[in-house]
Protein backbone atom coordinates (compact mmCIF):
# COMPACT_ATOMS: atom_id res chain seq x y z
CA MET A 1 -13.65 49.71 -9.18
CA LYS A 2 -15.67 46.58 -10.02
CA HIS A 3 -12.43 44.85 -11.04
CA ILE A 4 -10.89 45.69 -7.64
CA TYR A 5 -13.87 44.24 -5.74
CA ALA A 6 -13.82 41.15 -7.93
CA TYR A 7 -10.12 40.64 -7.25
CA MET A 8 -10.61 41.09 -3.49
CA ALA A 9 -13.46 38.58 -3.50
CA PHE A 10 -11.32 36.07 -5.37
CA PHE A 11 -8.39 36.61 -2.98
CA LEU A 12 -10.56 36.16 0.13
CA CYS A 13 -12.17 33.04 -1.32
CA ALA A 14 -8.77 31.52 -2.09
CA LEU A 15 -7.49 32.46 1.36
CA PHE A 16 -10.50 30.85 3.03
CA SER A 17 -10.14 27.71 0.94
CA ASN A 18 -6.46 27.37 1.86
CA ALA A 19 -7.33 27.84 5.52
CA GLN A 20 -9.74 24.94 5.27
CA ALA A 21 -7.26 22.69 3.48
CA ALA A 22 -5.04 20.38 5.45
CA THR A 23 -2.11 18.17 4.64
CA TYR A 24 -1.15 15.42 7.05
CA GLN A 25 1.88 13.17 7.33
CA PRO A 26 1.68 9.81 5.51
CA LEU A 27 1.37 8.09 8.90
CA ILE A 28 -1.05 9.55 11.42
CA GLU A 29 -1.51 8.50 15.05
CA ALA A 30 -4.97 7.93 16.53
CA GLN A 31 -4.86 10.99 18.79
CA ALA A 32 -3.80 13.27 15.94
CA LEU A 33 -6.56 11.83 13.76
CA ASN A 34 -9.17 12.49 16.43
CA GLU A 35 -8.05 16.13 16.63
CA ALA A 36 -8.01 16.45 12.84
CA LEU A 37 -11.59 15.17 12.53
CA SER A 38 -12.83 17.92 14.82
CA THR A 39 -11.00 20.73 13.01
CA HIS A 40 -11.12 19.65 9.36
CA PRO A 41 -14.52 18.27 8.31
CA GLN A 42 -13.27 17.79 4.74
CA LEU A 43 -11.06 14.91 5.88
CA GLN A 44 -12.37 11.58 4.56
CA LEU A 45 -11.81 8.21 6.24
CA ILE A 46 -11.68 5.00 4.20
CA ASP A 47 -12.42 1.80 6.17
CA ILE A 48 -11.07 -1.19 4.21
CA ARG A 49 -12.25 -3.90 6.60
CA SER A 50 -15.05 -6.31 5.71
CA PRO A 51 -18.62 -4.97 5.43
CA GLU A 52 -19.52 -6.99 8.54
CA ASP A 53 -16.74 -5.40 10.61
CA TYR A 54 -17.67 -1.97 9.31
CA ALA A 55 -21.32 -2.49 10.30
CA ALA A 56 -20.29 -3.67 13.77
CA GLY A 57 -18.52 -0.37 14.45
CA HIS A 58 -16.39 2.17 12.61
CA ILE A 59 -14.93 5.64 13.08
CA PRO A 60 -17.63 8.31 12.57
CA GLY A 61 -17.74 9.52 8.97
CA ALA A 62 -15.77 6.58 7.56
CA LEU A 63 -16.75 5.09 4.21
CA SER A 64 -16.74 1.33 3.69
CA ALA A 65 -14.42 0.21 0.88
CA PRO A 66 -13.42 -3.42 1.61
CA TYR A 67 -9.90 -4.44 0.67
CA GLY A 68 -11.16 -6.97 -1.86
CA GLN A 69 -12.40 -4.11 -4.05
CA TRP A 70 -8.81 -2.97 -4.51
CA ARG A 71 -7.41 -6.42 -5.39
CA GLY A 72 -7.27 -8.76 -8.37
CA PRO A 73 -8.65 -12.29 -8.98
CA ALA A 74 -8.07 -15.20 -6.59
CA ASP A 75 -5.23 -16.72 -8.65
CA ASN A 76 -3.46 -13.35 -8.94
CA PRO A 77 -4.66 -11.07 -6.10
CA GLY A 78 -1.98 -8.45 -6.72
CA GLN A 79 -3.02 -7.85 -10.32
CA LEU A 80 -3.80 -4.18 -10.87
CA ALA A 81 -7.22 -3.35 -12.31
CA ASP A 82 -7.46 -0.81 -15.13
CA ASN A 83 -8.04 2.90 -14.61
CA ALA A 84 -11.68 2.72 -15.70
CA TYR A 85 -12.49 0.32 -12.86
CA PHE A 86 -10.73 2.42 -10.23
CA GLU A 87 -12.22 5.66 -11.52
CA GLN A 88 -15.70 4.21 -11.11
CA LEU A 89 -14.82 2.99 -7.60
CA LEU A 90 -13.42 6.34 -6.47
CA GLN A 91 -16.37 8.24 -7.94
CA LYS A 92 -18.78 5.90 -6.16
CA LEU A 93 -16.96 6.67 -2.89
CA GLY A 94 -17.33 10.39 -3.61
CA LEU A 95 -13.60 11.04 -3.43
CA THR A 96 -12.05 14.21 -4.83
CA HIS A 97 -8.58 15.70 -5.18
CA GLN A 98 -9.49 18.47 -2.74
CA GLN A 99 -9.84 16.40 0.43
CA PRO A 100 -7.33 14.72 2.75
CA ILE A 101 -7.89 10.95 2.88
CA VAL A 102 -7.00 8.60 5.73
CA VAL A 103 -7.02 4.85 5.13
CA TYR A 104 -7.40 2.41 8.00
CA SER A 105 -7.82 -1.31 8.56
CA SER A 106 -8.15 -3.40 11.72
CA GLY A 107 -4.55 -3.23 12.96
CA ALA A 108 -4.88 -6.86 14.02
CA ASP A 109 -1.30 -7.75 13.07
CA GLU A 110 1.66 -6.61 11.01
CA THR A 111 0.36 -8.25 7.85
CA ASP A 112 -2.86 -6.25 8.15
CA PHE A 113 -0.93 -3.01 7.68
CA GLY A 114 -0.07 -4.17 4.16
CA ALA A 115 -3.73 -3.84 3.17
CA ALA A 116 -3.81 -0.17 4.16
CA ALA A 117 -0.44 0.40 2.48
CA ARG A 118 -1.65 -1.24 -0.74
CA VAL A 119 -4.78 0.93 -0.84
CA TYR A 120 -2.70 4.04 -0.05
CA TRP A 121 -0.31 3.13 -2.89
CA THR A 122 -3.24 2.53 -5.26
CA LEU A 123 -4.78 5.93 -4.46
CA LYS A 124 -1.44 7.66 -4.98
CA TYR A 125 -0.86 5.71 -8.20
CA LEU A 126 -4.25 6.99 -9.40
CA GLY A 127 -3.27 10.61 -8.80
CA LEU A 128 -4.47 11.44 -5.28
CA THR A 129 -1.79 13.02 -3.12
CA ASP A 130 -3.14 14.12 0.29
CA LEU A 131 -3.06 10.66 1.86
CA SER A 132 -2.41 9.10 5.27
CA ILE A 133 -2.65 5.75 7.03
CA LEU A 134 -3.88 5.39 10.61
CA ASN A 135 -0.87 3.87 12.38
CA GLY A 136 -1.94 0.65 14.11
CA GLY A 137 -5.37 0.72 12.52
CA LEU A 138 -8.67 0.67 14.37
CA GLN A 139 -7.02 -1.18 17.24
CA GLN A 140 -5.40 2.12 18.28
CA TRP A 141 -8.63 4.12 18.14
CA GLN A 142 -9.89 4.81 21.66
CA GLN A 143 -12.85 7.02 20.76
CA THR A 144 -16.49 6.23 20.06
CA LEU A 145 -17.43 3.95 17.18
CA VAL A 146 -20.69 4.15 15.24
CA SER A 147 -22.65 1.59 13.23
CA ASP A 148 -24.61 3.87 10.89
CA THR A 149 -23.73 4.02 7.18
CA THR A 150 -22.14 7.24 6.00
CA PRO A 151 -24.11 8.78 3.10
CA VAL A 152 -22.12 9.30 -0.10
CA GLN A 153 -22.55 11.74 -2.94
CA ALA A 154 -20.82 10.46 -6.07
CA SER A 155 -17.99 12.60 -7.45
CA GLN A 156 -16.72 13.32 -10.95
CA LEU A 157 -13.10 12.52 -10.10
CA LYS A 158 -10.85 11.59 -13.01
CA VAL A 159 -7.85 9.38 -12.34
CA GLN A 160 -4.44 9.76 -13.93
CA SER A 161 -2.06 6.92 -13.15
CA ASN A 162 1.55 7.66 -12.22
CA PRO A 163 3.97 5.29 -14.01
CA LYS A 164 6.80 6.30 -11.64
CA LEU A 165 5.17 4.34 -8.81
CA VAL A 166 4.71 1.01 -10.58
CA ILE A 167 6.70 -1.56 -12.52
CA PHE A 168 5.26 -4.40 -14.58
CA LYS A 169 6.64 -7.80 -15.50
CA ASP A 170 8.20 -6.97 -18.86
CA GLU A 171 10.11 -3.93 -17.63
CA LEU A 172 11.42 -5.81 -14.61
CA LEU A 173 12.51 -8.67 -16.83
CA ASP A 174 14.41 -6.21 -19.03
CA LYS A 175 16.21 -4.79 -16.00
CA ILE A 176 17.29 -8.27 -14.91
CA THR A 177 18.38 -9.54 -18.33
CA GLN A 178 20.25 -6.31 -19.11
CA HIS A 179 22.07 -6.48 -15.76
CA ASP A 180 20.85 -3.04 -14.73
CA ASN A 181 22.93 -2.02 -11.72
CA HIS A 182 21.16 1.27 -11.02
CA TYR A 183 18.30 -0.23 -9.04
CA GLN A 184 17.76 -2.59 -6.13
CA LEU A 185 15.16 -5.37 -6.15
CA LEU A 186 13.74 -6.04 -2.68
CA ASP A 187 11.81 -9.14 -1.65
CA ALA A 188 9.56 -8.07 1.25
CA ARG A 189 8.68 -11.61 2.38
CA PRO A 190 9.93 -13.41 5.50
CA PRO A 191 13.26 -15.24 5.01
CA LEU A 192 11.76 -18.74 4.63
CA PHE A 193 9.85 -17.57 1.54
CA TYR A 194 12.91 -15.86 0.11
CA GLN A 195 15.03 -18.98 0.71
CA GLY A 196 12.50 -21.17 -1.10
CA GLN A 197 11.61 -23.24 1.98
CA VAL A 198 8.02 -21.97 2.04
CA LYS A 199 5.80 -21.24 -0.96
CA ALA A 200 2.62 -19.18 -1.24
CA PRO A 201 -0.42 -20.93 -2.82
CA THR A 202 -0.43 -18.40 -5.66
CA ALA A 203 3.17 -19.18 -6.67
CA SER A 204 3.87 -22.13 -8.94
CA THR A 205 7.29 -22.62 -7.39
CA GLY A 206 9.28 -21.51 -4.36
CA GLY A 207 12.23 -19.16 -4.38
CA THR A 208 12.63 -15.52 -5.29
CA ILE A 209 13.07 -13.37 -8.37
CA ALA A 210 16.65 -13.43 -9.62
CA THR A 211 18.96 -10.68 -8.23
CA ALA A 212 16.58 -9.86 -5.35
CA GLN A 213 17.77 -9.24 -1.81
CA ASN A 214 15.64 -10.04 1.21
CA THR A 215 14.20 -7.06 3.11
CA PRO A 216 11.49 -8.54 5.36
CA PHE A 217 8.55 -6.21 5.97
CA GLY A 218 8.22 -7.20 9.63
CA GLN A 219 11.30 -5.24 10.69
CA TRP A 220 9.52 -1.90 10.37
CA PHE A 221 7.08 -2.48 13.25
CA ASN A 222 7.26 -1.83 16.98
CA GLN A 223 7.95 -4.88 19.11
CA ASN A 224 5.08 -4.17 21.53
CA ASP A 225 2.24 -3.38 19.09
CA THR A 226 1.30 -3.36 15.40
CA ARG A 227 2.30 0.24 14.71
CA ILE A 228 5.10 1.28 12.38
CA ARG A 229 8.25 2.41 14.24
CA PRO A 230 9.05 6.14 14.60
CA VAL A 231 10.49 7.68 11.44
CA ALA A 232 13.91 8.21 13.04
CA GLU A 233 14.20 4.47 13.70
CA ILE A 234 13.01 3.69 10.17
CA LYS A 235 15.70 5.91 8.65
CA GLU A 236 18.37 4.33 10.85
CA LEU A 237 17.36 0.83 9.71
CA VAL A 238 17.44 1.99 6.10
CA ARG A 239 20.94 3.46 6.51
CA ASN A 240 22.26 0.39 8.33
CA GLN A 241 21.13 -1.86 5.47
CA ASP A 242 22.41 0.52 2.77
CA LEU A 243 18.93 0.68 1.29
CA ASP A 244 19.41 4.36 0.48
CA GLN A 245 22.27 3.81 -1.98
CA ALA A 246 20.43 2.73 -5.14
CA GLU A 247 19.05 5.19 -7.68
CA GLU A 248 15.80 3.22 -7.88
CA THR A 249 14.05 0.63 -5.72
CA VAL A 250 11.58 -2.10 -6.73
CA SER A 251 9.51 -3.84 -4.06
CA PHE A 252 7.72 -7.18 -4.50
CA CYS A 253 6.39 -10.14 -2.50
CA ASN A 254 3.83 -12.87 -3.26
CA THR A 255 0.90 -10.66 -4.28
CA GLY A 256 2.00 -7.06 -3.75
CA HIS A 257 0.67 -6.91 -0.18
CA TRP A 258 3.73 -7.16 2.09
CA ALA A 259 5.63 -5.33 -0.66
CA ALA A 260 3.26 -2.38 -0.27
CA THR A 261 4.47 -2.01 3.32
CA ASN A 262 8.08 -1.85 2.12
CA TRP A 263 7.10 0.64 -0.58
CA PHE A 264 5.28 2.82 1.95
CA VAL A 265 8.09 2.77 4.50
CA LEU A 266 10.88 3.41 2.01
CA SER A 267 9.07 5.98 -0.12
CA GLU A 268 6.78 7.82 2.27
CA LEU A 269 8.68 7.61 5.58
CA ALA A 270 12.37 7.14 4.72
CA GLY A 271 12.05 9.50 1.77
CA LEU A 272 13.84 7.36 -0.82
CA LYS A 273 13.40 8.56 -4.38
CA ASP A 274 11.97 6.44 -7.19
CA VAL A 275 10.50 3.58 -5.18
CA ARG A 276 8.23 1.38 -7.30
CA LEU A 277 5.88 -1.50 -6.56
CA TYR A 278 5.55 -4.65 -8.64
CA PRO A 279 1.85 -5.19 -7.87
CA ALA A 280 1.34 -8.72 -9.22
CA SER A 281 4.67 -9.92 -7.80
CA LEU A 282 5.56 -13.63 -7.66
CA ALA A 283 2.01 -14.83 -8.36
CA GLU A 284 2.35 -13.43 -11.87
CA TRP A 285 6.10 -14.01 -12.22
CA THR A 286 5.94 -17.75 -11.48
CA GLN A 287 2.71 -18.34 -13.39
CA ALA A 288 4.04 -16.79 -16.61
CA LYS A 289 4.02 -19.01 -19.71
CA GLU A 290 7.71 -18.40 -20.25
CA SER A 291 10.28 -19.40 -17.63
CA LEU A 292 11.39 -16.23 -15.87
CA PRO A 293 14.67 -15.81 -13.92
CA MET A 294 14.46 -17.15 -10.37
CA ALA A 295 16.84 -17.77 -7.48
CA ASN A 296 16.71 -20.08 -4.44
CA THR A 297 14.33 -22.39 -6.29
CA PRO A 298 14.00 -25.79 -4.60
CA SER A 299 15.35 -28.79 -6.47
CA ARG A 300 12.93 -31.29 -8.01
CA PHE A 301 13.61 -33.66 -5.11
CA GLU A 302 12.91 -30.93 -2.56
CA GLN A 303 9.65 -30.01 -4.29
CA LEU A 304 8.49 -33.65 -4.27
CA GLN A 305 9.53 -33.98 -0.63
CA ALA A 306 7.52 -30.87 0.27
CA LYS A 307 4.44 -32.19 -1.53
CA PHE A 308 4.74 -35.55 0.25
CA SER A 309 5.11 -33.84 3.60
CA LYS A 310 2.01 -31.76 2.92
CA LEU A 311 -0.02 -34.85 2.02
CA VAL A 312 1.08 -36.62 5.19
CA ASN A 313 0.20 -33.64 7.38
CA GLU A 314 -3.22 -33.36 5.80
């Protein structure tokens, strides 16, 4: 009889726990988030804006985790920190595998979304799975903001990185040199960057990684605000560009920021399989000691002309 009671207690406990659990779509609208906060207290918000912006007003219950904490050094911002660093960060934030997590930033512009997407990708790479991004960021939030700091109890979370979500320089180089035709390499930057007419400060030269095709991140957003388009429109864009034909997709940009938006849209919304992010992107690729394959690189004359033009404009 004791065994029966014990089993019933275990069953009821599991049933109650499942009733409290919640899984949300990768992209959540402000109204849906407001409703979720009132029905699922386990949900945790991560505010990745600056500490000053957080202090000025944030969504009730949100934790402050500025974007800079998730990034690399100034000369290579996309560089991925090791697991030990991230494990300490996530434990300090009190995060666990048992809670839904919603990441949000300011929603100031389309580029800002990349910050939330990069943090989302990082959390998923580290083994967390119940993740969402607030579509349009704080700009879409019409409810009350608070200025008090949310208390945190450190967790014992252990991270386990997922190699299927990431690609590093050496593996990408092998794919290019071996003429691998089973994957597509997507440059998420605006066309002028891809064409080599504009260069990021972190890149030693303009142009793009050899074999890449241009898939600008800006196409995924609404024309009237900074929210991502409805999923049906996203899937139509993906089909029209034949982005769903490759067995594997690799996304990159200058520092793995815009590329995170492409990764998020293609993997989490369009449902493409085997989408990977090259986190360090062109900052690492062009700064490498060896000369790595590039395309659309400006000629020596064009580079000198660009430098002269910059000096004149300064």
